[in-house]
PDB file of all heavy atoms in Angstrom:
ATOM      1  N   THR A   1     198.316 186.373   4.000  1.00  0.00           N
ATOM      2  CA  THR A   1     197.041 186.167   3.318  1.00  0.00           C
ATOM      3  C   THR A   1     196.543 184.765   3.655  1.00  0.00           C
ATOM      4  O   THR A   1     197.297 183.937   4.200  1.00  0.00           O
ATOM      5  CB  THR A   1     197.208 186.297   1.802  1.00  0.00           C
ATOM      6  OG1 THR A   1     198.055 185.224   1.340  1.00  0.00           O
ATOM      7  CG2 THR A   1     197.819 187.636   1.418  1.00  0.00           C
ATOM      8  N   GLU A   2     195.285 184.475   3.323  1.00  0.00           N
ATOM      9  CA  GLU A   2     194.734 183.150   3.591  1.00  0.00           C
ATOM     10  C   GLU A   2     195.534 182.065   2.871  1.00  0.00           C
ATOM     11  O   GLU A   2     195.811 181.005   3.429  1.00  0.00           O
ATOM     12  CB  GLU A   2     193.263 183.089   3.167  1.00  0.00           C
ATOM     13  CG  GLU A   2     192.307 183.733   4.147  1.00  0.00           C
ATOM     14  CD  GLU A   2     192.346 183.064   5.526  1.00  0.00           C
ATOM     15  OE1 GLU A   2     192.300 181.824   5.594  1.00  0.00           O
ATOM     16  OE2 GLU A   2     192.442 183.791   6.533  1.00  0.00           O
ATOM     17  N   THR A   3     195.916 182.349   1.631  1.00  0.00           N
ATOM     18  CA  THR A   3     196.697 181.373   0.853  1.00  0.00           C
ATOM     19  C   THR A   3     198.044 181.118   1.507  1.00  0.00           C
ATOM     20  O   THR A   3     198.475 179.973   1.670  1.00  0.00           O
ATOM     21  CB  THR A   3     196.901 181.872  -0.584  1.00  0.00           C
ATOM     22  OG1 THR A   3     195.625 182.067  -1.193  1.00  0.00           O
ATOM     23  CG2 THR A   3     197.703 180.859  -1.395  1.00  0.00           C
ATOM     24  N   GLU A   4     198.738 182.213   1.896  1.00  0.00           N
ATOM     25  CA  GLU A   4     200.046 182.071   2.537  1.00  0.00           C
ATOM     26  C   GLU A   4     199.919 181.351   3.872  1.00  0.00           C
ATOM     27  O   GLU A   4     200.756 180.501   4.216  1.00  0.00           O
ATOM     28  CB  GLU A   4     200.675 183.455   2.739  1.00  0.00           C
ATOM     29  CG  GLU A   4     201.108 184.132   1.457  1.00  0.00           C
ATOM     30  CD  GLU A   4     201.502 185.580   1.666  1.00  0.00           C
ATOM     31  OE1 GLU A   4     201.109 186.172   2.709  1.00  0.00           O
ATOM     32  OE2 GLU A   4     202.183 186.128   0.795  1.00  0.00           O
ATOM     33  N   LEU A   5     198.870 181.684   4.632  1.00  0.00           N
ATOM     34  CA  LEU A   5     198.660 181.029   5.925  1.00  0.00           C
ATOM     35  C   LEU A   5     198.429 179.539   5.742  1.00  0.00           C
ATOM     36  O   LEU A   5     198.994 178.713   6.484  1.00  0.00           O
ATOM     37  CB  LEU A   5     197.469 181.669   6.647  1.00  0.00           C
ATOM     38  CG  LEU A   5     197.164 181.100   8.034  1.00  0.00           C
ATOM     39  CD1 LEU A   5     198.277 181.452   9.014  1.00  0.00           C
ATOM     40  CD2 LEU A   5     195.821 181.612   8.546  1.00  0.00           C
ATOM     41  N   ASN A   6     197.611 179.175   4.759  1.00  0.00           N
ATOM     42  CA  ASN A   6     197.344 177.755   4.512  1.00  0.00           C
ATOM     43  C   ASN A   6     198.616 177.006   4.145  1.00  0.00           C
ATOM     44  O   ASN A   6     198.878 175.903   4.636  1.00  0.00           O
ATOM     45  CB  ASN A   6     196.308 177.608   3.394  1.00  0.00           C
ATOM     46  CG  ASN A   6     194.923 178.072   3.822  1.00  0.00           C
ATOM     47  OD1 ASN A   6     194.632 178.118   5.011  1.00  0.00           O
ATOM     48  ND2 ASN A   6     194.096 178.431   2.859  1.00  0.00           N
ATOM     49  N   GLN A   7     199.434 177.616   3.279  1.00  0.00           N
ATOM     50  CA  GLN A   7     200.687 176.979   2.875  1.00  0.00           C
ATOM     51  C   GLN A   7     201.625 176.825   4.062  1.00  0.00           C
ATOM     52  O   GLN A   7     202.233 175.767   4.261  1.00  0.00           O
ATOM     53  CB  GLN A   7     201.362 177.814   1.780  1.00  0.00           C
ATOM     54  CG  GLN A   7     200.622 177.824   0.455  1.00  0.00           C
ATOM     55  CD  GLN A   7     201.227 178.804  -0.529  1.00  0.00           C
ATOM     56  OE1 GLN A   7     201.983 179.696  -0.161  1.00  0.00           O
ATOM     57  NE2 GLN A   7     200.897 178.647  -1.797  1.00  0.00           N
ATOM     58  N   ALA A   8     201.733 177.893   4.861  1.00  0.00           N
ATOM     59  CA  ALA A   8     202.632 177.850   6.017  1.00  0.00           C
ATOM     60  C   ALA A   8     202.145 176.846   7.057  1.00  0.00           C
ATOM     61  O   ALA A   8     202.948 176.161   7.704  1.00  0.00           O
ATOM     62  CB  ALA A   8     202.746 179.244   6.639  1.00  0.00           C
ATOM     63  N   PHE A   9     200.813 176.729   7.242  1.00  0.00           N
ATOM     64  CA  PHE A   9     200.266 175.809   8.238  1.00  0.00           C
ATOM     65  C   PHE A   9     200.528 174.360   7.845  1.00  0.00           C
ATOM     66  O   PHE A   9     200.831 173.515   8.703  1.00  0.00           O
ATOM     67  CB  PHE A   9     198.761 176.049   8.405  1.00  0.00           C
ATOM     68  CG  PHE A   9     198.158 175.264   9.539  1.00  0.00           C
ATOM     69  CD1 PHE A   9     198.543 175.505  10.850  1.00  0.00           C
ATOM     70  CD2 PHE A   9     197.211 174.284   9.296  1.00  0.00           C
ATOM     71  CE1 PHE A   9     197.992 174.778  11.899  1.00  0.00           C
ATOM     72  CE2 PHE A   9     196.658 173.556  10.339  1.00  0.00           C
ATOM     73  CZ  PHE A   9     197.051 173.806  11.646  1.00  0.00           C
ATOM     74  N   VAL A  10     200.412 174.048   6.558  1.00  0.00           N
ATOM     75  CA  VAL A  10     200.735 172.695   6.077  1.00  0.00           C
ATOM     76  C   VAL A  10     202.196 172.367   6.390  1.00  0.00           C
ATOM     77  O   VAL A  10     202.510 171.284   6.889  1.00  0.00           O
ATOM     78  CB  VAL A  10     200.449 172.572   4.562  1.00  0.00           C
ATOM     79  CG1 VAL A  10     201.008 171.257   4.021  1.00  0.00           C
ATOM     80  CG2 VAL A  10     198.950 172.649   4.298  1.00  0.00           C
ATOM     81  N   ARG A  11     203.100 173.346   6.097  1.00  0.00           N
ATOM     82  CA  ARG A  11     204.518 173.121   6.405  1.00  0.00           C
ATOM     83  C   ARG A  11     204.747 172.961   7.897  1.00  0.00           C
ATOM     84  O   ARG A  11     205.559 172.135   8.342  1.00  0.00           O
ATOM     85  CB  ARG A  11     205.348 174.302   5.892  1.00  0.00           C
ATOM     86  CG  ARG A  11     205.632 174.271   4.397  1.00  0.00           C
ATOM     87  CD  ARG A  11     206.573 173.116   4.011  1.00  0.00           C
ATOM     88  NE  ARG A  11     207.768 173.086   4.807  1.00  0.00           N
ATOM     89  CZ  ARG A  11     208.823 173.900   4.619  1.00  0.00           C
ATOM     90  NH1 ARG A  11     208.796 174.784   3.633  1.00  0.00           N
ATOM     91  NH2 ARG A  11     209.877 173.825   5.379  1.00  0.00           N
ATOM     92  N   PHE A  12     204.049 173.772   8.708  1.00  0.00           N
ATOM     93  CA  PHE A  12     204.174 173.691  10.162  1.00  0.00           C
ATOM     94  C   PHE A  12     203.806 172.301  10.659  1.00  0.00           C
ATOM     95  O   PHE A  12     204.510 171.703  11.489  1.00  0.00           O
ATOM     96  CB  PHE A  12     203.287 174.747  10.818  1.00  0.00           C
ATOM     97  CG  PHE A  12     203.001 174.492  12.268  1.00  0.00           C
ATOM     98  CD1 PHE A  12     203.997 174.636  13.222  1.00  0.00           C
ATOM     99  CD2 PHE A  12     201.737 174.094  12.683  1.00  0.00           C
ATOM    100  CE1 PHE A  12     203.734 174.383  14.562  1.00  0.00           C
ATOM    101  CE2 PHE A  12     201.467 173.847  14.018  1.00  0.00           C
ATOM    102  CZ  PHE A  12     202.475 173.991  14.963  1.00  0.00           C
ATOM    103  N   LYS A  13     202.697 171.734  10.162  1.00  0.00           N
ATOM    104  CA  LYS A  13     202.265 170.406  10.575  1.00  0.00           C
ATOM    105  C   LYS A  13     203.293 169.349  10.183  1.00  0.00           C
ATOM    106  O   LYS A  13     203.572 168.407  10.931  1.00  0.00           O
ATOM    107  CB  LYS A  13     200.895 170.083   9.971  1.00  0.00           C
ATOM    108  CG  LYS A  13     199.735 170.784  10.655  1.00  0.00           C
ATOM    109  CD  LYS A  13     199.570 170.290  12.093  1.00  0.00           C
ATOM    110  CE  LYS A  13     198.312 170.798  12.740  1.00  0.00           C
ATOM    111  NZ  LYS A  13     198.150 170.305  14.124  1.00  0.00           N
ATOM    112  N   GLU A  14     203.872 169.512   8.978  1.00  0.00           N
ATOM    113  CA  GLU A  14     204.895 168.570   8.519  1.00  0.00           C
ATOM    114  C   GLU A  14     206.105 168.602   9.444  1.00  0.00           C
ATOM    115  O   GLU A  14     206.635 167.556   9.833  1.00  0.00           O
ATOM    116  CB  GLU A  14     205.324 168.918   7.095  1.00  0.00           C
ATOM    117  CG  GLU A  14     204.265 168.647   6.029  1.00  0.00           C
ATOM    118  CD  GLU A  14     204.712 169.140   4.666  1.00  0.00           C
ATOM    119  OE1 GLU A  14     205.825 169.720   4.575  1.00  0.00           O
ATOM    120  OE2 GLU A  14     203.949 168.966   3.695  1.00  0.00           O
ATOM    121  N   ILE A  15     206.542 169.806   9.796  1.00  0.00           N
ATOM    122  CA  ILE A  15     207.710 169.957  10.674  1.00  0.00           C
ATOM    123  C   ILE A  15     207.387 169.454  12.081  1.00  0.00           C
ATOM    124  O   ILE A  15     208.194 168.786  12.730  1.00  0.00           O
ATOM    125  CB  ILE A  15     208.154 171.432  10.725  1.00  0.00           C
ATOM    126  CG1 ILE A  15     208.567 171.927   9.332  1.00  0.00           C
ATOM    127  CG2 ILE A  15     209.304 171.623  11.710  1.00  0.00           C
ATOM    128  CD1 ILE A  15     209.731 171.215   8.727  1.00  0.00           C
ATOM    129  N   ALA A  16     206.173 169.763  12.576  1.00  0.00           N
ATOM    130  CA  ALA A  16     205.787 169.369  13.931  1.00  0.00           C
ATOM    131  C   ALA A  16     205.756 167.856  14.100  1.00  0.00           C
ATOM    132  O   ALA A  16     206.008 167.336  15.190  1.00  0.00           O
ATOM    133  CB  ALA A  16     204.426 169.969  14.287  1.00  0.00           C
ATOM    134  N   ASP A  17     205.465 167.131  13.027  1.00  0.00           N
ATOM    135  CA  ASP A  17     205.470 165.671  13.092  1.00  0.00           C
ATOM    136  C   ASP A  17     206.888 165.118  13.205  1.00  0.00           C
ATOM    137  O   ASP A  17     207.092 164.005  13.680  1.00  0.00           O
ATOM    138  CB  ASP A  17     204.790 165.084  11.847  1.00  0.00           C
ATOM    139  CG  ASP A  17     203.273 165.143  11.949  1.00  0.00           C
ATOM    140  OD1 ASP A  17     202.762 165.179  13.085  1.00  0.00           O
ATOM    141  OD2 ASP A  17     202.605 165.163  10.895  1.00  0.00           O
ATOM    142  N   LYS A  18     207.859 165.888  12.747  1.00  0.00           N
ATOM    143  CA  LYS A  18     209.249 165.421  12.753  1.00  0.00           C
ATOM    144  C   LYS A  18     210.047 165.987  13.918  1.00  0.00           C
ATOM    145  O   LYS A  18     211.086 165.440  14.281  1.00  0.00           O
ATOM    146  CB  LYS A  18     209.941 165.832  11.445  1.00  0.00           C
ATOM    147  CG  LYS A  18     209.281 165.301  10.183  1.00  0.00           C
ATOM    148  CD  LYS A  18     209.963 165.879   8.948  1.00  0.00           C
ATOM    149  CE  LYS A  18     209.246 165.459   7.670  1.00  0.00           C
ATOM    150  NZ  LYS A  18     209.856 166.087   6.467  1.00  0.00           N
ATOM    151  N   LYS A  19     209.583 167.089  14.481  1.00  0.00           N
ATOM    152  CA  LYS A  19     210.371 167.840  15.458  1.00  0.00           C
ATOM    153  C   LYS A  19     209.556 168.038  16.735  1.00  0.00           C
ATOM    154  O   LYS A  19     208.436 168.535  16.694  1.00  0.00           O
ATOM    155  CB  LYS A  19     210.733 169.196  14.841  1.00  0.00           C
ATOM    156  CG  LYS A  19     211.879 169.923  15.490  1.00  0.00           C
ATOM    157  CD  LYS A  19     212.222 171.170  14.657  1.00  0.00           C
ATOM    158  CE  LYS A  19     213.482 171.829  15.159  1.00  0.00           C
ATOM    159  NZ  LYS A  19     213.363 172.408  16.476  1.00  0.00           N
ATOM    160  N   LYS A  20     210.088 167.649  17.870  1.00  0.00           N
ATOM    161  CA  LYS A  20     209.341 167.727  19.113  1.00  0.00           C
ATOM    162  C   LYS A  20     209.139 169.163  19.573  1.00  0.00           C
ATOM    163  O   LYS A  20     208.093 169.499  20.124  1.00  0.00           O
ATOM    164  CB  LYS A  20     210.082 166.948  20.214  1.00  0.00           C
ATOM    165  CG  LYS A  20     210.127 165.446  19.982  1.00  0.00           C
ATOM    166  CD  LYS A  20     210.870 164.755  21.109  1.00  0.00           C
ATOM    167  CE  LYS A  20     210.938 163.251  20.884  1.00  0.00           C
ATOM    168  NZ  LYS A  20     211.683 162.570  21.977  1.00  0.00           N
ATOM    169  N   GLU A  21     210.164 169.985  19.393  1.00  0.00           N
ATOM    170  CA  GLU A  21     210.114 171.346  19.921  1.00  0.00           C
ATOM    171  C   GLU A  21     210.053 172.358  18.785  1.00  0.00           C
ATOM    172  O   GLU A  21     210.981 172.452  17.981  1.00  0.00           O
ATOM    173  CB  GLU A  21     211.344 171.618  20.794  1.00  0.00           C
ATOM    174  CG  GLU A  21     211.448 170.667  21.978  1.00  0.00           C
ATOM    175  CD  GLU A  21     212.684 170.942  22.813  1.00  0.00           C
ATOM    176  OE1 GLU A  21     213.525 171.759  22.384  1.00  0.00           O
ATOM    177  OE2 GLU A  21     212.794 170.348  23.892  1.00  0.00           O
ATOM    178  N   ILE A  22     208.966 173.113  18.720  1.00  0.00           N
ATOM    179  CA  ILE A  22     208.806 174.147  17.696  1.00  0.00           C
ATOM    180  C   ILE A  22     209.025 175.507  18.340  1.00  0.00           C
ATOM    181  O   ILE A  22     208.311 175.874  19.274  1.00  0.00           O
ATOM    182  CB  ILE A  22     207.401 174.100  17.058  1.00  0.00           C
ATOM    183  CG1 ILE A  22     207.123 172.715  16.483  1.00  0.00           C
ATOM    184  CG2 ILE A  22     207.261 175.167  15.974  1.00  0.00           C
ATOM    185  CD1 ILE A  22     208.025 172.338  15.329  1.00  0.00           C
ATOM    186  N   THR A  23     210.024 176.236  17.859  1.00  0.00           N
ATOM    187  CA  THR A  23     210.380 177.525  18.444  1.00  0.00           C
ATOM    188  C   THR A  23     209.949 178.676  17.531  1.00  0.00           C
ATOM    189  O   THR A  23     209.565 178.469  16.382  1.00  0.00           O
ATOM    190  CB  THR A  23     211.899 177.619  18.644  1.00  0.00           C
ATOM    191  OG1 THR A  23     212.519 177.689  17.346  1.00  0.00           O
ATOM    192  CG2 THR A  23     212.431 176.410  19.390  1.00  0.00           C
ATOM    193  N   ASP A  24     210.066 179.894  18.077  1.00  0.00           N
ATOM    194  CA  ASP A  24     209.784 181.074  17.262  1.00  0.00           C
ATOM    195  C   ASP A  24     210.707 181.122  16.048  1.00  0.00           C
ATOM    196  O   ASP A  24     210.302 181.521  14.952  1.00  0.00           O
ATOM    197  CB  ASP A  24     209.961 182.352  18.087  1.00  0.00           C
ATOM    198  CG  ASP A  24     208.814 182.564  19.066  1.00  0.00           C
ATOM    199  OD1 ASP A  24     207.823 181.812  18.973  1.00  0.00           O
ATOM    200  OD2 ASP A  24     208.910 183.470  19.915  1.00  0.00           O
ATOM    201  N   TRP A  25     211.953 180.723  16.229  1.00  0.00           N
ATOM    202  CA  TRP A  25     212.903 180.735  15.113  1.00  0.00           C
ATOM    203  C   TRP A  25     212.481 179.732  14.036  1.00  0.00           C
ATOM    204  O   TRP A  25     212.624 179.981  12.843  1.00  0.00           O
ATOM    205  CB  TRP A  25     214.312 180.433  15.608  1.00  0.00           C
ATOM    206  CG  TRP A  25     214.900 181.541  16.429  1.00  0.00           C
ATOM    207  CD1 TRP A  25     214.347 182.767  16.665  1.00  0.00           C
ATOM    208  CD2 TRP A  25     216.146 181.522  17.114  1.00  0.00           C
ATOM    209  NE1 TRP A  25     215.169 183.514  17.456  1.00  0.00           N
ATOM    210  CE2 TRP A  25     216.286 182.777  17.759  1.00  0.00           C
ATOM    211  CE3 TRP A  25     217.154 180.573  17.266  1.00  0.00           C
ATOM    212  CZ2 TRP A  25     217.408 183.105  18.518  1.00  0.00           C
ATOM    213  CZ3 TRP A  25     218.267 180.904  18.033  1.00  0.00           C
ATOM    214  CH2 TRP A  25     218.390 182.152  18.643  1.00  0.00           C
ATOM    215  N   ASP A  26     211.980 178.573  14.486  1.00  0.00           N
ATOM    216  CA  ASP A  26     211.474 177.598  13.513  1.00  0.00           C
ATOM    217  C   ASP A  26     210.305 178.185  12.728  1.00  0.00           C
ATOM    218  O   ASP A  26     210.210 178.020  11.511  1.00  0.00           O
ATOM    219  CB  ASP A  26     211.004 176.316  14.236  1.00  0.00           C
ATOM    220  CG  ASP A  26     212.148 175.528  14.848  1.00  0.00           C
ATOM    221  OD1 ASP A  26     213.241 175.521  14.260  1.00  0.00           O
ATOM    222  OD2 ASP A  26     211.941 174.926  15.914  1.00  0.00           O
ATOM    223  N   LEU A  27     209.402 178.856  13.447  1.00  0.00           N
ATOM    224  CA  LEU A  27     208.241 179.457  12.784  1.00  0.00           C
ATOM    225  C   LEU A  27     208.673 180.500  11.765  1.00  0.00           C
ATOM    226  O   LEU A  27     208.129 180.576  10.659  1.00  0.00           O
ATOM    227  CB  LEU A  27     207.310 180.102  13.820  1.00  0.00           C
ATOM    228  CG  LEU A  27     206.576 179.142  14.765  1.00  0.00           C
ATOM    229  CD1 LEU A  27     205.801 179.936  15.813  1.00  0.00           C
ATOM    230  CD2 LEU A  27     205.645 178.220  13.997  1.00  0.00           C
ATOM    231  N   GLU A  28     209.677 181.320  12.117  1.00  0.00           N
ATOM    232  CA  GLU A  28     210.185 182.320  11.177  1.00  0.00           C
ATOM    233  C   GLU A  28     210.738 181.657   9.928  1.00  0.00           C
ATOM    234  O   GLU A  28     210.503 182.119   8.804  1.00  0.00           O
ATOM    235  CB  GLU A  28     211.271 183.165  11.845  1.00  0.00           C
ATOM    236  CG  GLU A  28     210.737 184.149  12.867  1.00  0.00           C
ATOM    237  CD  GLU A  28     211.840 184.944  13.531  1.00  0.00           C
ATOM    238  OE1 GLU A  28     213.029 184.705  13.203  1.00  0.00           O
ATOM    239  OE2 GLU A  28     211.541 185.801  14.375  1.00  0.00           O
ATOM    240  N   ALA A  29     211.477 180.563  10.124  1.00  0.00           N
ATOM    241  CA  ALA A  29     212.059 179.854   8.978  1.00  0.00           C
ATOM    242  C   ALA A  29     210.965 179.296   8.072  1.00  0.00           C
ATOM    243  O   ALA A  29     211.048 179.381   6.844  1.00  0.00           O
ATOM    244  CB  ALA A  29     212.973 178.729   9.463  1.00  0.00           C
ATOM    245  N   ILE A  30     209.932 178.717   8.684  1.00  0.00           N
ATOM    246  CA  ILE A  30     208.816 178.145   7.913  1.00  0.00           C
ATOM    247  C   ILE A  30     208.108 179.232   7.112  1.00  0.00           C
ATOM    248  O   ILE A  30     207.878 179.099   5.907  1.00  0.00           O
ATOM    249  CB  ILE A  30     207.815 177.444   8.858  1.00  0.00           C
ATOM    250  CG1 ILE A  30     208.442 176.187   9.475  1.00  0.00           C
ATOM    251  CG2 ILE A  30     206.528 177.077   8.111  1.00  0.00           C
ATOM    252  CD1 ILE A  30     207.642 175.602  10.634  1.00  0.00           C
ATOM    253  N   VAL A  31     207.755 180.326   7.781  1.00  0.00           N
ATOM    254  CA  VAL A  31     207.000 181.393   7.119  1.00  0.00           C
ATOM    255  C   VAL A  31     207.836 182.073   6.046  1.00  0.00           C
ATOM    256  O   VAL A  31     207.371 182.299   4.928  1.00  0.00           O
ATOM    257  CB  VAL A  31     206.489 182.422   8.149  1.00  0.00           C
ATOM    258  CG1 VAL A  31     205.821 183.597   7.443  1.00  0.00           C
ATOM    259  CG2 VAL A  31     205.513 181.763   9.107  1.00  0.00           C
ATOM    260  N   ASN A  32     209.082 182.405   6.368  1.00  0.00           N
ATOM    261  CA  ASN A  32     209.933 183.074   5.378  1.00  0.00           C
ATOM    262  C   ASN A  32     210.139 182.198   4.151  1.00  0.00           C
ATOM    263  O   ASN A  32     210.225 182.690   3.026  1.00  0.00           O
ATOM    264  CB  ASN A  32     211.283 183.440   6.000  1.00  0.00           C
ATOM    265  CG  ASN A  32     211.177 184.576   6.995  1.00  0.00           C
ATOM    266  OD1 ASN A  32     210.236 185.359   6.940  1.00  0.00           O
ATOM    267  ND2 ASN A  32     212.112 184.657   7.917  1.00  0.00           N
ATOM    268  N   ASP A  33     210.210 180.902   4.361  1.00  0.00           N
ATOM    269  CA  ASP A  33     210.370 179.978   3.238  1.00  0.00           C
ATOM    270  C   ASP A  33     209.108 179.944   2.379  1.00  0.00           C
ATOM    271  O   ASP A  33     209.163 179.926   1.149  1.00  0.00           O
ATOM    272  CB  ASP A  33     210.676 178.572   3.770  1.00  0.00           C
ATOM    273  CG  ASP A  33     211.157 177.636   2.674  1.00  0.00           C
ATOM    274  OD1 ASP A  33     211.763 178.113   1.699  1.00  0.00           O
ATOM    275  OD2 ASP A  33     210.906 176.424   2.787  1.00  0.00           O
ATOM    276  N   GLU A  34     207.942 179.981   3.022  1.00  0.00           N
ATOM    277  CA  GLU A  34     206.686 179.856   2.294  1.00  0.00           C
ATOM    278  C   GLU A  34     206.275 181.127   1.559  1.00  0.00           C
ATOM    279  O   GLU A  34     205.655 181.075   0.510  1.00  0.00           O
ATOM    280  CB  GLU A  34     205.554 179.441   3.252  1.00  0.00           C
ATOM    281  CG  GLU A  34     205.612 177.981   3.650  1.00  0.00           C
ATOM    282  CD  GLU A  34     205.510 177.050   2.456  1.00  0.00           C
ATOM    283  OE1 GLU A  34     204.708 177.290   1.554  1.00  0.00           O
ATOM    284  OE2 GLU A  34     206.268 176.059   2.424  1.00  0.00           O
ATOM    285  N   ILE A  35     206.607 182.299   2.135  1.00  0.00           N
ATOM    286  CA  ILE A  35     206.125 183.539   1.525  1.00  0.00           C
ATOM    287  C   ILE A  35     207.043 184.052   0.431  1.00  0.00           C
ATOM    288  O   ILE A  35     206.734 185.037  -0.225  1.00  0.00           O
ATOM    289  CB  ILE A  35     205.911 184.655   2.574  1.00  0.00           C
ATOM    290  CG1 ILE A  35     207.239 185.067   3.216  1.00  0.00           C
ATOM    291  CG2 ILE A  35     204.900 184.233   3.608  1.00  0.00           C
ATOM    292  CD1 ILE A  35     207.098 186.227   4.185  1.00  0.00           C
TER     293      ILE A  35
END
């Protein structure tokens, strides 16, 4: 949903600032944590 996407995108940006390489597994962890 838009709300879930917004929450996950904020987390993604936070992780991307700390981590050079963002993988599919990282994305799964971020989304599963947020939803």
